[in-house]
Amino acid sequence: MKKTLSALIKISFALGCENDFDTLFAKKGYSSIQEVINEQL
């Protein structure tokens, strides 16, 4: 798995989208259970 992540990081640098990792792994905050339900639809 470590090699896969390393390859993904190298590809992202080559494509110039390394800053997108901030949003890729960001936790989304919910203010209600209804927001969670709506996102699953």
N, C-alpha and C. Protein backbone atom coordinates (compact mmCIF):
# COMPACT_ATOMS: atom_id res chain seq x y z
N MET A 1 0.82 -1.19 0.00
CA MET A 1 0.00 0.00 0.00
C MET A 1 0.86 1.25 0.00
N LYS A 2 1.99 1.20 0.66
CA LYS A 2 2.87 2.36 0.72
C LYS A 2 3.33 2.76 -0.68
N LYS A 3 3.62 1.78 -1.52
CA LYS A 3 4.05 2.08 -2.89
C LYS A 3 2.92 2.74 -3.68
N THR A 4 1.68 2.31 -3.40
CA THR A 4 0.54 2.88 -4.10
C THR A 4 0.36 4.35 -3.74
N LEU A 5 0.46 4.67 -2.46
CA LEU A 5 0.33 6.06 -2.03
C LEU A 5 1.46 6.90 -2.59
N SER A 6 2.64 6.36 -2.60
CA SER A 6 3.79 7.07 -3.16
C SER A 6 3.57 7.37 -4.64
N ALA A 7 3.06 6.40 -5.37
CA ALA A 7 2.79 6.60 -6.79
C ALA A 7 1.70 7.65 -6.99
N LEU A 8 0.67 7.61 -6.15
CA LEU A 8 -0.40 8.59 -6.25
C LEU A 8 0.12 10.00 -6.01
N ILE A 9 0.99 10.15 -5.04
CA ILE A 9 1.57 11.47 -4.75
C ILE A 9 2.43 11.95 -5.91
N LYS A 10 3.22 11.07 -6.49
CA LYS A 10 4.06 11.44 -7.63
C LYS A 10 3.21 11.85 -8.83
N ILE A 11 2.12 11.14 -9.06
CA ILE A 11 1.23 11.48 -10.17
C ILE A 11 0.59 12.83 -9.93
N SER A 12 0.17 13.08 -8.69
CA SER A 12 -0.47 14.36 -8.39
C SER A 12 0.49 15.52 -8.60
N PHE A 13 1.76 15.34 -8.25
CA PHE A 13 2.75 16.40 -8.51
C PHE A 13 2.96 16.60 -10.00
N ALA A 14 2.98 15.50 -10.74
CA ALA A 14 3.17 15.60 -12.20
C ALA A 14 2.01 16.33 -12.86
N LEU A 15 0.82 16.15 -12.32
CA LEU A 15 -0.37 16.80 -12.89
C LEU A 15 -0.62 18.18 -12.30
N GLY A 16 0.16 18.54 -11.29
CA GLY A 16 0.02 19.86 -10.67
C GLY A 16 -1.21 19.98 -9.77
N CYS A 17 -1.66 18.87 -9.22
CA CYS A 17 -2.85 18.92 -8.37
C CYS A 17 -2.56 18.41 -6.96
N GLU A 18 -1.34 18.61 -6.50
CA GLU A 18 -0.97 18.13 -5.16
C GLU A 18 -1.73 18.84 -4.04
N ASN A 19 -2.20 20.04 -4.29
CA ASN A 19 -2.96 20.76 -3.27
C ASN A 19 -4.36 20.20 -3.07
N ASP A 20 -4.81 19.37 -3.99
CA ASP A 20 -6.14 18.78 -3.87
C ASP A 20 -6.23 17.74 -2.76
N PHE A 21 -5.11 17.30 -2.23
CA PHE A 21 -5.13 16.34 -1.13
C PHE A 21 -5.78 16.93 0.11
N ASP A 22 -5.71 18.24 0.27
CA ASP A 22 -6.34 18.89 1.42
C ASP A 22 -7.84 18.63 1.44
N THR A 23 -8.46 18.70 0.29
CA THR A 23 -9.91 18.47 0.24
C THR A 23 -10.25 16.99 0.13
N LEU A 24 -9.35 16.22 -0.42
CA LEU A 24 -9.61 14.79 -0.57
C LEU A 24 -9.76 14.09 0.77
N PHE A 25 -8.91 14.48 1.72
CA PHE A 25 -8.91 13.82 3.02
C PHE A 25 -9.53 14.66 4.12
N ALA A 26 -10.21 15.72 3.76
CA ALA A 26 -10.84 16.58 4.76
C ALA A 26 -12.10 15.92 5.32
N LYS A 27 -12.29 16.09 6.60
CA LYS A 27 -13.50 15.57 7.23
C LYS A 27 -14.59 16.61 7.09
N LYS A 28 -15.74 16.16 6.67
CA LYS A 28 -16.86 17.07 6.51
C LYS A 28 -17.65 17.12 7.82
N GLY A 29 -17.94 18.31 8.25
CA GLY A 29 -18.73 18.47 9.46
C GLY A 29 -20.21 18.55 9.14
N TYR A 30 -21.00 17.91 9.94
CA TYR A 30 -22.44 17.93 9.76
C TYR A 30 -23.07 18.64 10.96
N SER A 31 -24.12 19.40 10.69
CA SER A 31 -24.81 20.09 11.78
C SER A 31 -26.09 19.37 12.18
N SER A 32 -26.50 18.38 11.38
CA SER A 32 -27.70 17.62 11.73
C SER A 32 -27.65 16.24 11.08
N ILE A 33 -28.46 15.35 11.60
CA ILE A 33 -28.55 14.01 11.01
C ILE A 33 -29.19 14.08 9.63
N GLN A 34 -30.01 15.09 9.41
CA GLN A 34 -30.65 15.24 8.10
C GLN A 34 -29.62 15.53 7.01
N GLU A 35 -28.58 16.27 7.31
CA GLU A 35 -27.51 16.51 6.33
C GLU A 35 -26.83 15.22 5.95
N VAL A 36 -26.62 14.33 6.88
CA VAL A 36 -26.00 13.03 6.60
C VAL A 36 -26.91 12.21 5.70
N ILE A 37 -28.19 12.18 6.01
CA ILE A 37 -29.16 11.44 5.20
C ILE A 37 -29.23 12.00 3.79
N ASN A 38 -29.28 13.32 3.66
CA ASN A 38 -29.37 13.96 2.35
C ASN A 38 -28.16 13.66 1.49
N GLU A 39 -26.99 13.57 2.08
CA GLU A 39 -25.77 13.32 1.30
C GLU A 39 -25.75 11.90 0.76
N GLN A 40 -26.39 10.98 1.42
CA GLN A 40 -26.40 9.59 0.98
C GLN A 40 -27.37 9.36 -0.16
N LEU A 41 -28.26 10.30 -0.42
CA LEU A 41 -29.27 10.12 -1.49
C LEU A 41 -28.70 10.40 -2.84
